[in-house]
Amino acid sequence: MLWWLAADARLSPTARELIAGGTTPVLYSAASIWEIAIKRAVGKLIAPDDILDAVEADGFVELPIAARHAAIAGALPLHHRDPFDRMIIAQAQLEDLSVITADARIADYGVSVVW
């Protein structure tokens, strides 16, 4: 999401085309916003102050965290220890979504990865 907003070259051409295409809804997890806020607060990340306005202006749709997402995230095998990524994985599993990520470990959970 941040790479999209910053027009960062690290975002793969495939991911960029999918997001720009407008035919597939692009969801963002509340977990991503939470992680960004924490990292900004401790000085580990520079991100727009108006991140919510920015992603919504680009047509991204919020995927809230539900209790069932939390239950699955907590029960996942520990291939990946990042709690935010684990939440995104659980959401992708339960909602049958693909994850746009450069992190190869996400695919270890059987979710579809776009990169």
Protein backbone atom coordinates (compact mmCIF):
# COMPACT_ATOMS: atom_id res chain seq x y z
CA MET A 1 0.00 0.00 0.00
CA LEU A 2 2.78 2.41 0.92
CA TRP A 3 4.74 1.52 -2.20
CA TRP A 4 1.65 2.24 -4.30
CA LEU A 5 1.06 5.62 -2.64
CA ALA A 6 4.72 6.61 -3.04
CA ALA A 7 4.94 5.31 -6.64
CA ASP A 8 7.88 3.27 -5.36
CA ALA A 9 9.74 1.18 -7.95
CA ARG A 10 9.82 -1.76 -5.50
CA LEU A 11 6.16 -2.47 -6.27
CA SER A 12 6.15 -5.15 -8.96
CA PRO A 13 4.72 -4.36 -12.40
CA THR A 14 2.14 -7.14 -11.90
CA ALA A 15 0.95 -5.64 -8.62
CA ARG A 16 0.95 -2.13 -10.07
CA GLU A 17 -1.19 -3.23 -13.04
CA LEU A 18 -3.66 -5.06 -10.81
CA ILE A 19 -4.11 -2.06 -8.52
CA ALA A 20 -4.34 0.43 -11.39
CA GLY A 21 -6.66 -1.75 -13.46
CA GLY A 22 -9.77 -0.85 -11.51
CA THR A 23 -11.54 -4.12 -12.32
CA THR A 24 -10.67 -5.90 -9.08
CA PRO A 25 -11.43 -4.29 -5.70
CA VAL A 26 -8.23 -3.61 -3.78
CA LEU A 27 -8.73 -4.14 -0.07
CA TYR A 28 -6.43 -3.04 2.71
CA SER A 29 -6.41 -4.55 6.15
CA ALA A 30 -7.01 -2.51 9.27
CA ALA A 31 -3.89 -4.37 10.48
CA SER A 32 -1.82 -2.51 7.89
CA ILE A 33 -3.02 0.85 9.16
CA TRP A 34 -2.34 -0.26 12.74
CA GLU A 35 1.21 -1.34 11.86
CA ILE A 36 1.89 1.90 9.97
CA ALA A 37 0.64 3.98 12.92
CA ILE A 38 2.85 2.11 15.39
CA LYS A 39 5.95 2.36 13.20
CA ARG A 40 5.34 6.07 12.56
CA ALA A 41 4.94 6.71 16.29
CA VAL A 42 8.31 5.15 17.13
CA GLY A 43 10.11 6.77 14.19
CA LYS A 44 10.67 3.60 12.15
CA LEU A 45 8.54 4.66 9.18
CA ILE A 46 7.69 7.74 7.23
CA ALA A 47 4.11 7.62 5.98
CA PRO A 48 1.51 10.21 5.04
CA ASP A 49 -0.41 11.75 7.93
CA ASP A 50 -3.57 11.33 5.88
CA ILE A 51 -2.96 7.67 4.98
CA LEU A 52 -6.65 6.75 5.25
CA ASP A 53 -7.72 9.58 2.98
CA ALA A 54 -4.95 8.72 0.53
CA VAL A 55 -5.82 5.03 0.17
CA GLU A 56 -9.54 5.73 -0.05
CA ALA A 57 -8.92 8.41 -2.70
CA ASP A 58 -7.12 5.73 -4.72
CA GLY A 59 -10.14 3.44 -4.43
CA PHE A 60 -8.83 1.03 -1.80
CA VAL A 61 -11.52 -0.55 0.39
CA GLU A 62 -11.06 -1.23 4.09
CA LEU A 63 -11.14 -4.81 5.32
CA PRO A 64 -11.96 -4.55 9.04
CA ILE A 65 -10.61 -7.05 11.54
CA ALA A 66 -13.28 -9.44 12.82
CA ALA A 67 -13.08 -11.81 15.78
CA ARG A 68 -12.94 -14.80 13.44
CA HIS A 69 -9.88 -13.26 11.75
CA ALA A 70 -8.20 -12.90 15.14
CA ALA A 71 -8.97 -16.49 16.11
CA ILE A 72 -7.40 -17.85 12.91
CA ALA A 73 -4.40 -15.48 13.10
CA GLY A 74 -3.63 -16.69 16.60
CA ALA A 75 -3.83 -20.34 15.57
CA LEU A 76 -1.64 -20.15 12.45
CA PRO A 77 1.60 -22.14 12.39
CA LEU A 78 4.62 -19.97 13.17
CA HIS A 79 6.11 -19.86 9.66
CA HIS A 80 5.79 -16.11 10.04
CA ARG A 81 6.06 -14.37 13.41
CA ASP A 82 4.95 -10.85 12.42
CA PRO A 83 1.52 -10.41 14.05
CA PHE A 84 0.33 -7.93 11.43
CA ASP A 85 1.24 -10.24 8.56
CA ARG A 86 -0.39 -13.13 10.40
CA MET A 87 -3.62 -11.10 10.58
CA ILE A 88 -3.45 -10.35 6.87
CA ILE A 89 -2.87 -14.06 6.17
CA ALA A 90 -5.88 -15.02 8.30
CA GLN A 91 -8.04 -12.46 6.52
CA ALA A 92 -6.90 -13.73 3.13
CA GLN A 93 -7.66 -17.32 4.12
CA LEU A 94 -11.11 -16.61 5.51
CA GLU A 95 -12.18 -14.14 2.83
CA ASP A 96 -10.59 -16.07 -0.07
CA LEU A 97 -8.38 -13.14 -1.06
CA SER A 98 -4.99 -12.81 -2.70
CA VAL A 99 -2.24 -10.89 -0.93
CA ILE A 100 -0.07 -8.41 -2.80
CA THR A 101 3.36 -8.85 -1.23
CA ALA A 102 7.05 -9.34 -1.92
CA ASP A 103 7.26 -11.54 1.20
CA ALA A 104 7.63 -15.12 -0.06
CA ARG A 105 6.81 -16.56 3.38
CA ILE A 106 3.16 -15.52 3.02
CA ALA A 107 2.62 -18.25 0.42
CA ASP A 108 3.68 -20.85 3.01
CA TYR A 109 0.17 -20.47 4.45
CA GLY A 110 -1.57 -21.55 1.26
CA VAL A 111 -2.86 -18.10 0.33
CA SER A 112 -2.67 -16.75 -3.18
CA VAL A 113 0.14 -14.23 -3.54
CA VAL A 114 0.37 -11.61 -6.27
CA TRP A 115 3.79 -10.28 -7.04
